[in-house]
Amino acid sequence: MEKNQPKSKAATIAYCGLYCENCGKYSKGKCPGCAGNEKATWCGVRKCCIENGYTSCADCATFSDPMECKQFNNPISKVIGFILRSDRGKCIQFIKKNGYGAFASHMDGIGRMSMKR
């Protein structure tokens, strides 16, 4: 975690690059966020990141582009991304290039959970 990033903000970056801080369910206390959601055993991205000790897919050394990963780029995520016009791949690339603190600040500034397609 970066020094300029409050702990609570870093903890709200999901393993797949979504920013839980701007999620309605998270802000209403109806969801613990990705890292705290132990019921999300169905999520392959979360499982992979936990097993490998990654903060997010941005830390993965196997794939330079998360869209190459079958766990990250699965059919369900494609449908959800299309419906919500979100691009988690852009989020991961932003984190890789600029860091977690800059990503959290950027997402706070645009008020979204994910970057637009």
PDB file of N, CA and C in Angstrom:
ATOM      1  N   MET A   1       0.850  -1.187   0.000  1.00  0.00           N
ATOM      2  CA  MET A   1       0.000   0.000   0.000  1.00  0.00           C
ATOM      3  C   MET A   1       0.889   1.241   0.000  1.00  0.00           C
ATOM      4  N   GLU A   2       0.496   2.225  -0.730  1.00  0.00           N
ATOM      5  CA  GLU A   2       1.272   3.457  -0.839  1.00  0.00           C
ATOM      6  C   GLU A   2       1.045   4.346   0.369  1.00  0.00           C
ATOM      7  N   LYS A   3       2.044   5.142   0.728  1.00  0.00           N
ATOM      8  CA  LYS A   3       1.963   5.993   1.905  1.00  0.00           C
ATOM      9  C   LYS A   3       0.851   7.030   1.820  1.00  0.00           C
ATOM     10  N   ASN A   4       0.607   7.581   0.633  1.00  0.00           N
ATOM     11  CA  ASN A   4      -0.377   8.649   0.499  1.00  0.00           C
ATOM     12  C   ASN A   4      -1.806   8.124   0.380  1.00  0.00           C
ATOM     13  N   GLN A   5      -1.994   6.817   0.430  1.00  0.00           N
ATOM     14  CA  GLN A   5      -3.319   6.233   0.259  1.00  0.00           C
ATOM     15  C   GLN A   5      -3.847   5.736   1.599  1.00  0.00           C
ATOM     16  N   PRO A   6      -4.975   6.272   2.069  1.00  0.00           N
ATOM     17  CA  PRO A   6      -5.559   5.776   3.308  1.00  0.00           C
ATOM     18  C   PRO A   6      -5.862   4.280   3.200  1.00  0.00           C
ATOM     19  N   LYS A   7      -5.695   3.582   4.301  1.00  0.00           N
ATOM     20  CA  LYS A   7      -5.894   2.136   4.304  1.00  0.00           C
ATOM     21  C   LYS A   7      -7.282   1.755   3.798  1.00  0.00           C
ATOM     22  N   SER A   8      -8.314   2.469   4.210  1.00  0.00           N
ATOM     23  CA  SER A   8      -9.670   2.112   3.806  1.00  0.00           C
ATOM     24  C   SER A   8      -9.856   2.211   2.294  1.00  0.00           C
ATOM     25  N   LYS A   9      -9.227   3.168   1.648  1.00  0.00           N
ATOM     26  CA  LYS A   9      -9.353   3.319   0.198  1.00  0.00           C
ATOM     27  C   LYS A   9      -8.648   2.168  -0.524  1.00  0.00           C
ATOM     28  N   ALA A  10      -7.472   1.791  -0.096  1.00  0.00           N
ATOM     29  CA  ALA A  10      -6.747   0.694  -0.742  1.00  0.00           C
ATOM     30  C   ALA A  10      -7.504  -0.621  -0.581  1.00  0.00           C
ATOM     31  N   ALA A  11      -8.146  -0.793   0.540  1.00  0.00           N
ATOM     32  CA  ALA A  11      -8.893  -2.023   0.796  1.00  0.00           C
ATOM     33  C   ALA A  11     -10.149  -2.116  -0.053  1.00  0.00           C
ATOM     34  N   THR A  12     -10.570  -1.021  -0.641  1.00  0.00           N
ATOM     35  CA  THR A  12     -11.788  -1.047  -1.445  1.00  0.00           C
ATOM     36  C   THR A  12     -11.516  -1.180  -2.936  1.00  0.00           C
ATOM     37  N   ILE A  13     -10.288  -1.483  -3.299  1.00  0.00           N
ATOM     38  CA  ILE A  13      -9.985  -1.816  -4.686  1.00  0.00           C
ATOM     39  C   ILE A  13     -10.113  -3.329  -4.784  1.00  0.00           C
ATOM     40  N   ALA A  14     -11.067  -3.778  -5.606  1.00  0.00           N
ATOM     41  CA  ALA A  14     -11.317  -5.204  -5.751  1.00  0.00           C
ATOM     42  C   ALA A  14     -10.169  -5.882  -6.502  1.00  0.00           C
ATOM     43  N   TYR A  15     -10.063  -7.170  -6.337  1.00  0.00           N
ATOM     44  CA  TYR A  15      -9.014  -7.932  -7.016  1.00  0.00           C
ATOM     45  C   TYR A  15      -9.075  -7.754  -8.529  1.00  0.00           C
ATOM     46  N   CYS A  16     -10.259  -7.578  -9.076  1.00  0.00           N
ATOM     47  CA  CYS A  16     -10.426  -7.447 -10.528  1.00  0.00           C
ATOM     48  C   CYS A  16     -10.317  -6.004 -11.010  1.00  0.00           C
ATOM     49  N   GLY A  17     -10.109  -5.054 -10.100  1.00  0.00           N
ATOM     50  CA  GLY A  17      -9.939  -3.666 -10.506  1.00  0.00           C
ATOM     51  C   GLY A  17     -11.142  -2.781 -10.293  1.00  0.00           C
ATOM     52  N   LEU A  18     -12.261  -3.339  -9.861  1.00  0.00           N
ATOM     53  CA  LEU A  18     -13.402  -2.481  -9.535  1.00  0.00           C
ATOM     54  C   LEU A  18     -13.079  -1.681  -8.273  1.00  0.00           C
ATOM     55  N   TYR A  19     -13.699  -0.543  -8.140  1.00  0.00           N
ATOM     56  CA  TYR A  19     -13.466   0.332  -6.983  1.00  0.00           C
ATOM     57  C   TYR A  19     -14.717   0.324  -6.111  1.00  0.00           C
ATOM     58  N   CYS A  20     -14.717  -0.524  -5.104  1.00  0.00           N
ATOM     59  CA  CYS A  20     -15.890  -0.737  -4.250  1.00  0.00           C
ATOM     60  C   CYS A  20     -16.347   0.536  -3.532  1.00  0.00           C
ATOM     61  N   GLU A  21     -15.442   1.437  -3.285  1.00  0.00           N
ATOM     62  CA  GLU A  21     -15.764   2.682  -2.576  1.00  0.00           C
ATOM     63  C   GLU A  21     -16.926   3.427  -3.234  1.00  0.00           C
ATOM     64  N   ASN A  22     -17.061   3.314  -4.547  1.00  0.00           N
ATOM     65  CA  ASN A  22     -18.127   4.016  -5.264  1.00  0.00           C
ATOM     66  C   ASN A  22     -19.332   3.131  -5.573  1.00  0.00           C
ATOM     67  N   CYS A  23     -19.422   2.007  -4.908  1.00  0.00           N
ATOM     68  CA  CYS A  23     -20.547   1.091  -5.091  1.00  0.00           C
ATOM     69  C   CYS A  23     -21.646   1.410  -4.079  1.00  0.00           C
ATOM     70  N   GLY A  24     -22.885   1.472  -4.554  1.00  0.00           N
ATOM     71  CA  GLY A  24     -24.016   1.768  -3.680  1.00  0.00           C
ATOM     72  C   GLY A  24     -24.176   0.762  -2.562  1.00  0.00           C
ATOM     73  N   LYS A  25     -24.038  -0.524  -2.863  1.00  0.00           N
ATOM     74  CA  LYS A  25     -24.182  -1.557  -1.832  1.00  0.00           C
ATOM     75  C   LYS A  25     -23.090  -1.434  -0.776  1.00  0.00           C
ATOM     76  N   TYR A  26     -21.866  -1.150  -1.216  1.00  0.00           N
ATOM     77  CA  TYR A  26     -20.760  -0.996  -0.272  1.00  0.00           C
ATOM     78  C   TYR A  26     -20.994   0.218   0.638  1.00  0.00           C
ATOM     79  N   SER A  27     -21.375   1.332   0.043  1.00  0.00           N
ATOM     80  CA  SER A  27     -21.559   2.562   0.825  1.00  0.00           C
ATOM     81  C   SER A  27     -22.736   2.462   1.796  1.00  0.00           C
ATOM     82  N   LYS A  28     -23.705   1.586   1.490  1.00  0.00           N
ATOM     83  CA  LYS A  28     -24.853   1.387   2.383  1.00  0.00           C
ATOM     84  C   LYS A  28     -24.613   0.275   3.406  1.00  0.00           C
ATOM     85  N   GLY A  29     -23.403  -0.309   3.380  1.00  0.00           N
ATOM     86  CA  GLY A  29     -23.063  -1.360   4.329  1.00  0.00           C
ATOM     87  C   GLY A  29     -23.676  -2.715   3.991  1.00  0.00           C
ATOM     88  N   LYS A  30     -24.149  -2.894   2.759  1.00  0.00           N
ATOM     89  CA  LYS A  30     -24.767  -4.154   2.358  1.00  0.00           C
ATOM     90  C   LYS A  30     -23.766  -5.124   1.739  1.00  0.00           C
ATOM     91  N   CYS A  31     -22.548  -4.676   1.554  1.00  0.00           N
ATOM     92  CA  CYS A  31     -21.490  -5.518   0.988  1.00  0.00           C
ATOM     93  C   CYS A  31     -20.177  -5.142   1.674  1.00  0.00           C
ATOM     94  N   PRO A  32     -19.366  -6.131   2.061  1.00  0.00           N
ATOM     95  CA  PRO A  32     -18.093  -5.829   2.730  1.00  0.00           C
ATOM     96  C   PRO A  32     -16.973  -5.435   1.771  1.00  0.00           C
ATOM     97  N   GLY A  33     -17.257  -5.436   0.467  1.00  0.00           N
ATOM     98  CA  GLY A  33     -16.203  -5.191  -0.508  1.00  0.00           C
ATOM     99  C   GLY A  33     -15.557  -6.512  -0.886  1.00  0.00           C
ATOM    100  N   CYS A  34     -14.807  -6.501  -1.931  1.00  0.00           N
ATOM    101  CA  CYS A  34     -14.234  -7.729  -2.476  1.00  0.00           C
ATOM    102  C   CYS A  34     -13.344  -8.456  -1.468  1.00  0.00           C
ATOM    103  N   ALA A  35     -12.397  -7.770  -0.896  1.00  0.00           N
ATOM    104  CA  ALA A  35     -11.443  -8.423   0.000  1.00  0.00           C
ATOM    105  C   ALA A  35     -12.121  -9.030   1.224  1.00  0.00           C
ATOM    106  N   GLY A  36     -13.168  -8.389   1.710  1.00  0.00           N
ATOM    107  CA  GLY A  36     -13.849  -8.876   2.901  1.00  0.00           C
ATOM    108  C   GLY A  36     -15.001  -9.816   2.626  1.00  0.00           C
ATOM    109  N   ASN A  37     -15.304 -10.067   1.377  1.00  0.00           N
ATOM    110  CA  ASN A  37     -16.462 -10.887   1.020  1.00  0.00           C
ATOM    111  C   ASN A  37     -16.081 -12.365   0.950  1.00  0.00           C
ATOM    112  N   GLU A  38     -16.069 -13.020   2.091  1.00  0.00           N
ATOM    113  CA  GLU A  38     -15.675 -14.421   2.150  1.00  0.00           C
ATOM    114  C   GLU A  38     -16.701 -15.348   1.499  1.00  0.00           C
ATOM    115  N   LYS A  39     -17.900 -14.845   1.222  1.00  0.00           N
ATOM    116  CA  LYS A  39     -18.927 -15.649   0.545  1.00  0.00           C
ATOM    117  C   LYS A  39     -18.676 -15.732  -0.956  1.00  0.00           C
ATOM    118  N   ALA A  40     -17.768 -14.922  -1.475  1.00  0.00           N
ATOM    119  CA  ALA A  40     -17.515 -14.871  -2.919  1.00  0.00           C
ATOM    120  C   ALA A  40     -16.551 -15.970  -3.360  1.00  0.00           C
ATOM    121  N   THR A  41     -16.789 -17.192  -2.900  1.00  0.00           N
ATOM    122  CA  THR A  41     -15.932 -18.316  -3.268  1.00  0.00           C
ATOM    123  C   THR A  41     -16.076 -18.671  -4.745  1.00  0.00           C
ATOM    124  N   TRP A  42     -17.133 -18.209  -5.384  1.00  0.00           N
ATOM    125  CA  TRP A  42     -17.393 -18.451  -6.798  1.00  0.00           C
ATOM    126  C   TRP A  42     -16.476 -17.641  -7.711  1.00  0.00           C
ATOM    127  N   CYS A  43     -15.844 -16.591  -7.194  1.00  0.00           N
ATOM    128  CA  CYS A  43     -15.054 -15.685  -8.026  1.00  0.00           C
ATOM    129  C   CYS A  43     -13.641 -16.225  -8.245  1.00  0.00           C
ATOM    130  N   GLY A  44     -13.352 -16.607  -9.484  1.00  0.00           N
ATOM    131  CA  GLY A  44     -12.043 -17.136  -9.832  1.00  0.00           C
ATOM    132  C   GLY A  44     -10.932 -16.110  -9.732  1.00  0.00           C
ATOM    133  N   VAL A  45     -11.247 -14.855 -10.028  1.00  0.00           N
ATOM    134  CA  VAL A  45     -10.246 -13.784  -9.933  1.00  0.00           C
ATOM    135  C   VAL A  45      -9.829 -13.597  -8.479  1.00  0.00           C
ATOM    136  N   ARG A  46     -10.800 -13.532  -7.595  1.00  0.00           N
ATOM    137  CA  ARG A  46     -10.528 -13.364  -6.163  1.00  0.00           C
ATOM    138  C   ARG A  46      -9.686 -14.529  -5.643  1.00  0.00           C
ATOM    139  N   LYS A  47     -10.080 -15.744  -6.004  1.00  0.00           N
ATOM    140  CA  LYS A  47      -9.367 -16.951  -5.568  1.00  0.00           C
ATOM    141  C   LYS A  47      -7.918 -16.928  -6.049  1.00  0.00           C
ATOM    142  N   CYS A  48      -7.711 -16.610  -7.325  1.00  0.00           N
ATOM    143  CA  CYS A  48      -6.362 -16.559  -7.894  1.00  0.00           C
ATOM    144  C   CYS A  48      -5.489 -15.528  -7.173  1.00  0.00           C
ATOM    145  N   CYS A  49      -6.043 -14.333  -6.966  1.00  0.00           N
ATOM    146  CA  CYS A  49      -5.271 -13.272  -6.312  1.00  0.00           C
ATOM    147  C   CYS A  49      -4.906 -13.645  -4.877  1.00  0.00           C
ATOM    148  N   ILE A  50      -5.841 -14.236  -4.156  1.00  0.00           N
ATOM    149  CA  ILE A  50      -5.562 -14.650  -2.775  1.00  0.00           C
ATOM    150  C   ILE A  50      -4.487 -15.732  -2.763  1.00  0.00           C
ATOM    151  N   GLU A  51      -4.628 -16.742  -3.633  1.00  0.00           N
ATOM    152  CA  GLU A  51      -3.647 -17.837  -3.689  1.00  0.00           C
ATOM    153  C   GLU A  51      -2.247 -17.342  -4.023  1.00  0.00           C
ATOM    154  N   ASN A  52      -2.161 -16.292  -4.855  1.00  0.00           N
ATOM    155  CA  ASN A  52      -0.854 -15.787  -5.281  1.00  0.00           C
ATOM    156  C   ASN A  52      -0.366 -14.587  -4.472  1.00  0.00           C
ATOM    157  N   GLY A  53      -1.156 -14.141  -3.512  1.00  0.00           N
ATOM    158  CA  GLY A  53      -0.753 -13.014  -2.674  1.00  0.00           C
ATOM    159  C   GLY A  53      -0.811 -11.674  -3.382  1.00  0.00           C
ATOM    160  N   TYR A  54      -1.660 -11.547  -4.405  1.00  0.00           N
ATOM    161  CA  TYR A  54      -1.784 -10.297  -5.150  1.00  0.00           C
ATOM    162  C   TYR A  54      -2.801  -9.378  -4.490  1.00  0.00           C
ATOM    163  N   THR A  55      -2.543  -8.084  -4.552  1.00  0.00           N
ATOM    164  CA  THR A  55      -3.519  -7.091  -4.133  1.00  0.00           C
ATOM    165  C   THR A  55      -4.624  -7.012  -5.171  1.00  0.00           C
ATOM    166  N   SER A  56      -4.255  -7.158  -6.433  1.00  0.00           N
ATOM    167  CA  SER A  56      -5.211  -7.198  -7.540  1.00  0.00           C
ATOM    168  C   SER A  56      -4.521  -7.866  -8.728  1.00  0.00           C
ATOM    169  N   CYS A  57      -5.256  -7.985  -9.812  1.00  0.00           N
ATOM    170  CA  CYS A  57      -4.684  -8.550 -11.046  1.00  0.00           C
ATOM    171  C   CYS A  57      -3.538  -7.691 -11.589  1.00  0.00           C
ATOM    172  N   ALA A  58      -3.431  -6.467 -11.143  1.00  0.00           N
ATOM    173  CA  ALA A  58      -2.334  -5.599 -11.575  1.00  0.00           C
ATOM    174  C   ALA A  58      -0.978  -6.144 -11.125  1.00  0.00           C
ATOM    175  N   ASP A  59      -0.970  -6.972 -10.095  1.00  0.00           N
ATOM    176  CA  ASP A  59       0.276  -7.536  -9.583  1.00  0.00           C
ATOM    177  C   ASP A  59       0.691  -8.821 -10.305  1.00  0.00           C
ATOM    178  N   CYS A  60      -0.160  -9.329 -11.184  1.00  0.00           N
ATOM    179  CA  CYS A  60       0.095 -10.593 -11.875  1.00  0.00           C
ATOM    180  C   CYS A  60       1.265 -10.456 -12.847  1.00  0.00           C
ATOM    181  N   ALA A  61       2.206 -11.385 -12.740  1.00  0.00           N
ATOM    182  CA  ALA A  61       3.351 -11.391 -13.651  1.00  0.00           C
ATOM    183  C   ALA A  61       3.132 -12.346 -14.820  1.00  0.00           C
ATOM    184  N   THR A  62       2.099 -13.172 -14.746  1.00  0.00           N
ATOM    185  CA  THR A  62       1.836 -14.151 -15.803  1.00  0.00           C
ATOM    186  C   THR A  62       1.261 -13.502 -17.049  1.00  0.00           C
ATOM    187  N   PHE A  63       0.334 -12.557 -16.865  1.00  0.00           N
ATOM    188  CA  PHE A  63      -0.325 -11.897 -17.989  1.00  0.00           C
ATOM    189  C   PHE A  63      -0.062 -10.397 -17.944  1.00  0.00           C
ATOM    190  N   SER A  64       0.513  -9.853 -19.021  1.00  0.00           N
ATOM    191  CA  SER A  64       0.717  -8.401 -19.074  1.00  0.00           C
ATOM    192  C   SER A  64      -0.601  -7.685 -19.337  1.00  0.00           C
ATOM    193  N   ASP A  65      -1.515  -8.368 -20.026  1.00  0.00           N
ATOM    194  CA  ASP A  65      -2.844  -7.844 -20.303  1.00  0.00           C
ATOM    195  C   ASP A  65      -3.850  -8.765 -19.623  1.00  0.00           C
ATOM    196  N   PRO A  66      -4.628  -8.255 -18.679  1.00  0.00           N
ATOM    197  CA  PRO A  66      -5.562  -9.128 -17.964  1.00  0.00           C
ATOM    198  C   PRO A  66      -6.593  -9.788 -18.875  1.00  0.00           C
ATOM    199  N   MET A  67      -6.838  -9.233 -20.047  1.00  0.00           N
ATOM    200  CA  MET A  67      -7.817  -9.802 -20.971  1.00  0.00           C
ATOM    201  C   MET A  67      -7.347 -11.148 -21.538  1.00  0.00           C
ATOM    202  N   GLU A  68      -6.067 -11.465 -21.368  1.00  0.00           N
ATOM    203  CA  GLU A  68      -5.530 -12.755 -21.801  1.00  0.00           C
ATOM    204  C   GLU A  68      -5.847 -13.868 -20.800  1.00  0.00           C
ATOM    205  N   CYS A  69      -6.206 -13.495 -19.588  1.00  0.00           N
ATOM    206  CA  CYS A  69      -6.461 -14.445 -18.506  1.00  0.00           C
ATOM    207  C   CYS A  69      -7.909 -14.943 -18.547  1.00  0.00           C
ATOM    208  N   LYS A  70      -8.085 -16.253 -18.541  1.00  0.00           N
ATOM    209  CA  LYS A  70      -9.429 -16.831 -18.603  1.00  0.00           C
ATOM    210  C   LYS A  70     -10.219 -16.588 -17.319  1.00  0.00           C
ATOM    211  N   GLN A  71      -9.542 -16.453 -16.210  1.00  0.00           N
ATOM    212  CA  GLN A  71     -10.241 -16.149 -14.953  1.00  0.00           C
ATOM    213  C   GLN A  71     -10.801 -14.726 -14.988  1.00  0.00           C
ATOM    214  N   PHE A  72     -10.005 -13.811 -15.488  1.00  0.00           N
ATOM    215  CA  PHE A  72     -10.392 -12.402 -15.537  1.00  0.00           C
ATOM    216  C   PHE A  72     -11.405 -12.132 -16.640  1.00  0.00           C
ATOM    217  N   ASN A  73     -11.142 -12.660 -17.810  1.00  0.00           N
ATOM    218  CA  ASN A  73     -11.953 -12.375 -18.997  1.00  0.00           C
ATOM    219  C   ASN A  73     -12.885 -13.553 -19.287  1.00  0.00           C
ATOM    220  N   ASN A  74     -13.842 -13.774 -18.411  1.00  0.00           N
ATOM    221  CA  ASN A  74     -14.763 -14.892 -18.558  1.00  0.00           C
ATOM    222  C   ASN A  74     -16.099 -14.404 -19.130  1.00  0.00           C
ATOM    223  N   PRO A  75     -16.954 -15.313 -19.590  1.00  0.00           N
ATOM    224  CA  PRO A  75     -18.216 -14.909 -20.225  1.00  0.00           C
ATOM    225  C   PRO A  75     -19.114 -14.037 -19.339  1.00  0.00           C
ATOM    226  N   ILE A  76     -19.195 -14.332 -18.067  1.00  0.00           N
ATOM    227  CA  ILE A  76     -20.051 -13.547 -17.170  1.00  0.00           C
ATOM    228  C   ILE A  76     -19.532 -12.116 -17.058  1.00  0.00           C
ATOM    229  N   SER A  77     -18.224 -11.956 -16.926  1.00  0.00           N
ATOM    230  CA  SER A  77     -17.668 -10.604 -16.812  1.00  0.00           C
ATOM    231  C   SER A  77     -17.861  -9.820 -18.107  1.00  0.00           C
ATOM    232  N   LYS A  78     -17.837 -10.507 -19.241  1.00  0.00           N
ATOM    233  CA  LYS A  78     -18.065  -9.832 -20.523  1.00  0.00           C
ATOM    234  C   LYS A  78     -19.484  -9.275 -20.602  1.00  0.00           C
ATOM    235  N   VAL A  79     -20.455 -10.072 -20.174  1.00  0.00           N
ATOM    236  CA  VAL A  79     -21.854  -9.626 -20.196  1.00  0.00           C
ATOM    237  C   VAL A  79     -22.062  -8.460 -19.236  1.00  0.00           C
ATOM    238  N   ILE A  80     -21.562  -8.594 -18.018  1.00  0.00           N
ATOM    239  CA  ILE A  80     -21.714  -7.525 -17.022  1.00  0.00           C
ATOM    240  C   ILE A  80     -21.018  -6.252 -17.498  1.00  0.00           C
ATOM    241  N   GLY A  81     -19.823  -6.384 -18.053  1.00  0.00           N
ATOM    242  CA  GLY A  81     -19.097  -5.231 -18.579  1.00  0.00           C
ATOM    243  C   GLY A  81     -19.850  -4.534 -19.699  1.00  0.00           C
ATOM    244  N   PHE A  82     -20.489  -5.337 -20.551  1.00  0.00           N
ATOM    245  CA  PHE A  82     -21.267  -4.767 -21.653  1.00  0.00           C
ATOM    246  C   PHE A  82     -22.485  -4.011 -21.117  1.00  0.00           C
ATOM    247  N   ILE A  83     -23.208  -4.629 -20.211  1.00  0.00           N
ATOM    248  CA  ILE A  83     -24.419  -4.006 -19.656  1.00  0.00           C
ATOM    249  C   ILE A  83     -24.084  -2.727 -18.891  1.00  0.00           C
ATOM    250  N   LEU A  84     -23.040  -2.766 -18.089  1.00  0.00           N
ATOM    251  CA  LEU A  84     -22.678  -1.607 -17.256  1.00  0.00           C
ATOM    252  C   LEU A  84     -21.713  -0.646 -17.955  1.00  0.00           C
ATOM    253  N   ARG A  85     -21.321  -0.973 -19.190  1.00  0.00           N
ATOM    254  CA  ARG A  85     -20.355  -0.169 -19.938  1.00  0.00           C
ATOM    255  C   ARG A  85     -19.079   0.061 -19.135  1.00  0.00           C
ATOM    256  N   SER A  86     -18.627  -1.001 -18.475  1.00  0.00           N
ATOM    257  CA  SER A  86     -17.435  -0.886 -17.648  1.00  0.00           C
ATOM    258  C   SER A  86     -16.271  -1.654 -18.271  1.00  0.00           C
ATOM    259  N   ASP A  87     -15.071  -1.243 -17.910  1.00  0.00           N
ATOM    260  CA  ASP A  87     -13.870  -1.867 -18.451  1.00  0.00           C
ATOM    261  C   ASP A  87     -12.872  -2.110 -17.319  1.00  0.00           C
ATOM    262  N   ARG A  88     -12.969  -3.291 -16.723  1.00  0.00           N
ATOM    263  CA  ARG A  88     -12.060  -3.636 -15.624  1.00  0.00           C
ATOM    264  C   ARG A  88     -10.625  -3.751 -16.115  1.00  0.00           C
ATOM    265  N   GLY A  89     -10.452  -4.149 -17.378  1.00  0.00           N
ATOM    266  CA  GLY A  89      -9.106  -4.233 -17.953  1.00  0.00           C
ATOM    267  C   GLY A  89      -8.402  -2.879 -17.936  1.00  0.00           C
ATOM    268  N   LYS A  90      -9.146  -1.820 -18.256  1.00  0.00           N
ATOM    269  CA  LYS A  90      -8.588  -0.464 -18.190  1.00  0.00           C
ATOM    270  C   LYS A  90      -8.199  -0.116 -16.760  1.00  0.00           C
ATOM    271  N   CYS A  91      -9.022  -0.539 -15.818  1.00  0.00           N
ATOM    272  CA  CYS A  91      -8.717  -0.273 -14.406  1.00  0.00           C
ATOM    273  C   CYS A  91      -7.394  -0.929 -14.016  1.00  0.00           C
ATOM    274  N   ILE A  92      -7.230  -2.198 -14.387  1.00  0.00           N
ATOM    275  CA  ILE A  92      -5.998  -2.916 -14.055  1.00  0.00           C
ATOM    276  C   ILE A  92      -4.792  -2.263 -14.736  1.00  0.00           C
ATOM    277  N   GLN A  93      -4.930  -1.879 -15.986  1.00  0.00           N
ATOM    278  CA  GLN A  93      -3.824  -1.220 -16.691  1.00  0.00           C
ATOM    279  C   GLN A  93      -3.474   0.113 -16.028  1.00  0.00           C
ATOM    280  N   PHE A  94      -4.490   0.859 -15.575  1.00  0.00           N
ATOM    281  CA  PHE A  94      -4.256   2.130 -14.882  1.00  0.00           C
ATOM    282  C   PHE A  94      -3.463   1.889 -13.603  1.00  0.00           C
ATOM    283  N   ILE A  95      -3.863   0.866 -12.838  1.00  0.00           N
ATOM    284  CA  ILE A  95      -3.158   0.539 -11.591  1.00  0.00           C
ATOM    285  C   ILE A  95      -1.717   0.153 -11.892  1.00  0.00           C
ATOM    286  N   LYS A  96      -1.497  -0.672 -12.913  1.00  0.00           N
ATOM    287  CA  LYS A  96      -0.134  -1.089 -13.274  1.00  0.00           C
ATOM    288  C   LYS A  96       0.737   0.122 -13.609  1.00  0.00           C
ATOM    289  N   LYS A  97       0.162   1.065 -14.331  1.00  0.00           N
ATOM    290  CA  LYS A  97       0.931   2.229 -14.789  1.00  0.00           C
ATOM    291  C   LYS A  97       1.112   3.281 -13.689  1.00  0.00           C
ATOM    292  N   ASN A  98       0.060   3.517 -12.882  1.00  0.00           N
ATOM    293  CA  ASN A  98       0.062   4.663 -11.967  1.00  0.00           C
ATOM    294  C   ASN A  98       0.038   4.319 -10.485  1.00  0.00           C
ATOM    295  N   GLY A  99      -0.264   3.088 -10.137  1.00  0.00           N
ATOM    296  CA  GLY A  99      -0.300   2.674  -8.737  1.00  0.00           C
ATOM    297  C   GLY A  99      -1.698   2.728  -8.133  1.00  0.00           C
ATOM    298  N   TYR A 100      -1.819   2.087  -6.995  1.00  0.00           N
ATOM    299  CA  TYR A 100      -3.113   1.966  -6.317  1.00  0.00           C
ATOM    300  C   TYR A 100      -3.640   3.311  -5.799  1.00  0.00           C
ATOM    301  N   GLY A 101      -2.771   4.124  -5.258  1.00  0.00           N
ATOM    302  CA  GLY A 101      -3.195   5.420  -4.741  1.00  0.00           C
ATOM    303  C   GLY A 101      -3.745   6.329  -5.821  1.00  0.00           C
ATOM    304  N   ALA A 102      -3.052   6.378  -6.947  1.00  0.00           N
ATOM    305  CA  ALA A 102      -3.510   7.207  -8.064  1.00  0.00           C
ATOM    306  C   ALA A 102      -4.829   6.684  -8.617  1.00  0.00           C
ATOM    307  N   PHE A 103      -4.983   5.359  -8.639  1.00  0.00           N
ATOM    308  CA  PHE A 103      -6.231   4.772  -9.124  1.00  0.00           C
ATOM    309  C   PHE A 103      -7.398   5.162  -8.208  1.00  0.00           C
ATOM    310  N   ALA A 104      -7.205   5.016  -6.911  1.00  0.00           N
ATOM    311  CA  ALA A 104      -8.268   5.381  -5.963  1.00  0.00           C
ATOM    312  C   ALA A 104      -8.631   6.857  -6.099  1.00  0.00           C
ATOM    313  N   SER A 105      -7.644   7.711  -6.225  1.00  0.00           N
ATOM    314  CA  SER A 105      -7.908   9.147  -6.388  1.00  0.00           C
ATOM    315  C   SER A 105      -8.664   9.424  -7.683  1.00  0.00           C
ATOM    316  N   HIS A 106      -8.252   8.760  -8.756  1.00  0.00           N
ATOM    317  CA  HIS A 106      -8.927   8.936 -10.046  1.00  0.00           C
ATOM    318  C   HIS A 106     -10.384   8.487  -9.968  1.00  0.00           C
ATOM    319  N   MET A 107     -10.615   7.343  -9.372  1.00  0.00           N
ATOM    320  CA  MET A 107     -11.972   6.817  -9.281  1.00  0.00           C
ATOM    321  C   MET A 107     -12.834   7.679  -8.361  1.00  0.00           C
ATOM    322  N   ASP A 108     -12.247   8.194  -7.287  1.00  0.00           N
ATOM    323  CA  ASP A 108     -12.987   9.135  -6.431  1.00  0.00           C
ATOM    324  C   ASP A 108     -13.396  10.356  -7.247  1.00  0.00           C
ATOM    325  N   GLY A 109     -12.494  10.809  -8.105  1.00  0.00           N
ATOM    326  CA  GLY A 109     -12.763  11.985  -8.922  1.00  0.00           C
ATOM    327  C   GLY A 109     -13.870  11.793  -9.938  1.00  0.00           C
ATOM    328  N   ILE A 110     -13.958  10.591 -10.516  1.00  0.00           N
ATOM    329  CA  ILE A 110     -15.000  10.360 -11.518  1.00  0.00           C
ATOM    330  C   ILE A 110     -16.259   9.737 -10.904  1.00  0.00           C
ATOM    331  N   GLY A 111     -16.165   9.296  -9.671  1.00  0.00           N
ATOM    332  CA  GLY A 111     -17.338   8.775  -8.971  1.00  0.00           C
ATOM    333  C   GLY A 111     -17.906   7.486  -9.533  1.00  0.00           C
ATOM    334  N   ARG A 112     -17.044   6.639 -10.096  1.00  0.00           N
ATOM    335  CA  ARG A 112     -17.507   5.374 -10.686  1.00  0.00           C
ATOM    336  C   ARG A 112     -16.780   4.191 -10.051  1.00  0.00           C
ATOM    337  N   MET A 113     -17.364   3.020 -10.220  1.00  0.00           N
ATOM    338  CA  MET A 113     -16.735   1.777  -9.760  1.00  0.00           C
ATOM    339  C   MET A 113     -15.709   1.264 -10.764  1.00  0.00           C
ATOM    340  N   SER A 114     -15.892   1.637 -12.033  1.00  0.00           N
ATOM    341  CA  SER A 114     -15.034   1.147 -13.092  1.00  0.00           C
ATOM    342  C   SER A 114     -14.882   2.220 -14.162  1.00  0.00           C
ATOM    343  N   MET A 115     -13.833   2.107 -14.909  1.00  0.00           N
ATOM    344  CA  MET A 115     -13.657   3.019 -16.033  1.00  0.00           C
ATOM    345  C   MET A 115     -14.637   2.621 -17.129  1.00  0.00           C
ATOM    346  N   LYS A 116     -15.062   3.599 -17.916  1.00  0.00           N
ATOM    347  CA  LYS A 116     -16.000   3.331 -19.005  1.00  0.00           C
ATOM    348  C   LYS A 116     -15.299   2.666 -20.169  1.00  0.00           C
ATOM    349  N   ARG A 117     -16.075   1.889 -20.911  1.00  0.00           N
ATOM    350  CA  ARG A 117     -15.574   1.280 -22.155  1.00  0.00           C
ATOM    351  C   ARG A 117     -15.284   2.347 -23.161  1.00  0.00           C
TER     352      ARG A 117
END
